[in-house]
Amino acid sequence: MNIKDGHIIALFRIHTQDNIIWTIGKLISLSKDDKKYYYEYIINRLYIKNAEYRNAKITKIIFSFGFRNGIIEKKKTTQWIYW
């Protein structure tokens, strides 16, 4: 498959020093032009998680992704809310 004719599905996880793997957020579909959106999405997800997530010592960051047929619209970068 040619990435020009498809889109990406992605899932973000963290692996902690206590050997726990947490999925952060949901499986999302991205166009090839959504790099900035995905970066901001990850930062936002980590920021709004409760103290248990924020205080964990992260040892690994896991990006799971796949390519799918069909072009999707680029996501609009939004103003994320950071508390």
C-alpha atoms as a PDB file:
ATOM      1  CA  MET A   1       0.000   0.000   0.000  1.00  0.00           C
ATOM      2  CA  ASN A   2       1.133   3.521  -0.757  1.00  0.00           C
ATOM      3  CA  ILE A   3       0.855   5.888   2.240  1.00  0.00           C
ATOM      4  CA  LYS A   4      -0.331   8.610  -0.152  1.00  0.00           C
ATOM      5  CA  ASP A   5      -3.523   6.586  -0.605  1.00  0.00           C
ATOM      6  CA  GLY A   6      -4.022   5.736   3.067  1.00  0.00           C
ATOM      7  CA  HIS A   7      -4.015   6.849   6.661  1.00  0.00           C
ATOM      8  CA  ILE A   8      -2.402   5.807   9.934  1.00  0.00           C
ATOM      9  CA  ILE A   9      -3.990   4.346  13.051  1.00  0.00           C
ATOM     10  CA  ALA A  10      -2.001   4.963  16.209  1.00  0.00           C
ATOM     11  CA  LEU A  11      -2.026   4.048  19.893  1.00  0.00           C
ATOM     12  CA  PHE A  12       0.259   5.543  22.531  1.00  0.00           C
ATOM     13  CA  ARG A  13       1.410   3.654  25.642  1.00  0.00           C
ATOM     14  CA  ILE A  14       3.885   4.145  28.433  1.00  0.00           C
ATOM     15  CA  HIS A  15       5.879   1.489  30.282  1.00  0.00           C
ATOM     16  CA  THR A  16       6.741   2.298  33.898  1.00  0.00           C
ATOM     17  CA  GLN A  17       9.599   1.356  36.168  1.00  0.00           C
ATOM     18  CA  ASP A  18       7.111  -0.872  38.045  1.00  0.00           C
ATOM     19  CA  ASN A  19       6.646  -2.897  34.830  1.00  0.00           C
ATOM     20  CA  ILE A  20       3.137  -1.560  34.199  1.00  0.00           C
ATOM     21  CA  ILE A  21       2.001  -0.647  30.684  1.00  0.00           C
ATOM     22  CA  TRP A  22      -0.667   2.027  30.417  1.00  0.00           C
ATOM     23  CA  THR A  23      -2.506   2.955  27.256  1.00  0.00           C
ATOM     24  CA  ILE A  24      -2.789   6.710  27.098  1.00  0.00           C
ATOM     25  CA  GLY A  25      -5.802   7.870  25.120  1.00  0.00           C
ATOM     26  CA  LYS A  26      -7.665   5.961  22.467  1.00  0.00           C
ATOM     27  CA  LEU A  27      -6.830   4.490  19.085  1.00  0.00           C
ATOM     28  CA  ILE A  28      -6.919   7.375  16.652  1.00  0.00           C
ATOM     29  CA  SER A  29      -6.821   7.746  12.889  1.00  0.00           C
ATOM     30  CA  LEU A  30      -4.360  10.227  11.440  1.00  0.00           C
ATOM     31  CA  SER A  31      -3.557  11.567   8.019  1.00  0.00           C
ATOM     32  CA  LYS A  32       0.074  11.732   6.982  1.00  0.00           C
ATOM     33  CA  ASP A  33      -0.053  15.477   7.765  1.00  0.00           C
ATOM     34  CA  ASP A  34      -1.211  15.097  11.401  1.00  0.00           C
ATOM     35  CA  LYS A  35       2.216  14.947  13.104  1.00  0.00           C
ATOM     36  CA  LYS A  36       1.736  18.192  15.025  1.00  0.00           C
ATOM     37  CA  TYR A  37      -1.781  17.168  16.093  1.00  0.00           C
ATOM     38  CA  TYR A  38      -0.558  13.776  17.392  1.00  0.00           C
ATOM     39  CA  TYR A  39       2.323  15.367  19.299  1.00  0.00           C
ATOM     40  CA  GLU A  40      -0.073  17.800  20.990  1.00  0.00           C
ATOM     41  CA  TYR A  41      -2.568  14.978  21.626  1.00  0.00           C
ATOM     42  CA  ILE A  42       0.083  12.947  23.497  1.00  0.00           C
ATOM     43  CA  ILE A  43       1.230  15.917  25.583  1.00  0.00           C
ATOM     44  CA  ASN A  44      -2.375  16.716  26.470  1.00  0.00           C
ATOM     45  CA  ARG A  45      -3.214  13.115  27.401  1.00  0.00           C
ATOM     46  CA  LEU A  46      -0.210  12.889  29.718  1.00  0.00           C
ATOM     47  CA  TYR A  47      -0.976  16.238  31.296  1.00  0.00           C
ATOM     48  CA  ILE A  48      -4.612  15.547  32.197  1.00  0.00           C
ATOM     49  CA  LYS A  49      -4.008  12.088  33.671  1.00  0.00           C
ATOM     50  CA  ASN A  50      -4.273  11.724  37.426  1.00  0.00           C
ATOM     51  CA  ALA A  51      -1.314  11.876  39.801  1.00  0.00           C
ATOM     52  CA  GLU A  52      -0.722   8.117  39.599  1.00  0.00           C
ATOM     53  CA  TYR A  53       0.169   8.473  35.918  1.00  0.00           C
ATOM     54  CA  ARG A  54       2.119  11.706  36.332  1.00  0.00           C
ATOM     55  CA  ASN A  55       4.200  10.405  39.251  1.00  0.00           C
ATOM     56  CA  ALA A  56       5.155   7.126  37.566  1.00  0.00           C
ATOM     57  CA  LYS A  57       8.703   6.807  36.323  1.00  0.00           C
ATOM     58  CA  ILE A  58       8.416   6.163  32.599  1.00  0.00           C
ATOM     59  CA  THR A  59      11.027   3.770  31.235  1.00  0.00           C
ATOM     60  CA  LYS A  60       9.669   3.318  27.710  1.00  0.00           C
ATOM     61  CA  ILE A  61       7.300   5.028  25.324  1.00  0.00           C
ATOM     62  CA  ILE A  62       5.472   2.660  22.993  1.00  0.00           C
ATOM     63  CA  PHE A  63       3.967   3.794  19.696  1.00  0.00           C
ATOM     64  CA  SER A  64       1.793   1.170  18.025  1.00  0.00           C
ATOM     65  CA  PHE A  65       0.626   2.037  14.548  1.00  0.00           C
ATOM     66  CA  GLY A  66      -0.663   0.589  11.337  1.00  0.00           C
ATOM     67  CA  PHE A  67      -1.506   1.747   7.843  1.00  0.00           C
ATOM     68  CA  ARG A  68      -5.019   1.542   6.430  1.00  0.00           C
ATOM     69  CA  ASN A  69      -6.505   2.222   3.009  1.00  0.00           C
ATOM     70  CA  GLY A  70      -8.488   5.382   2.441  1.00  0.00           C
ATOM     71  CA  ILE A  71      -7.572   9.012   2.774  1.00  0.00           C
ATOM     72  CA  ILE A  72      -8.935  10.936   5.765  1.00  0.00           C
ATOM     73  CA  GLU A  73      -9.053  14.663   6.415  1.00  0.00           C
ATOM     74  CA  LYS A  74      -6.232  16.314   8.293  1.00  0.00           C
ATOM     75  CA  LYS A  75      -7.170  16.991  11.916  1.00  0.00           C
ATOM     76  CA  LYS A  76      -7.445  20.587  12.929  1.00  0.00           C
ATOM     77  CA  THR A  77      -4.959  21.528  15.604  1.00  0.00           C
ATOM     78  CA  THR A  78      -7.024  22.639  18.519  1.00  0.00           C
ATOM     79  CA  GLN A  79      -6.348  24.579  21.648  1.00  0.00           C
ATOM     80  CA  TRP A  80      -5.663  21.860  24.187  1.00  0.00           C
ATOM     81  CA  ILE A  81      -6.688  22.548  27.740  1.00  0.00           C
ATOM     82  CA  TYR A  82      -3.894  22.104  30.269  1.00  0.00           C
ATOM     83  CA  TRP A  83      -4.910  22.150  33.902  1.00  0.00           C
END
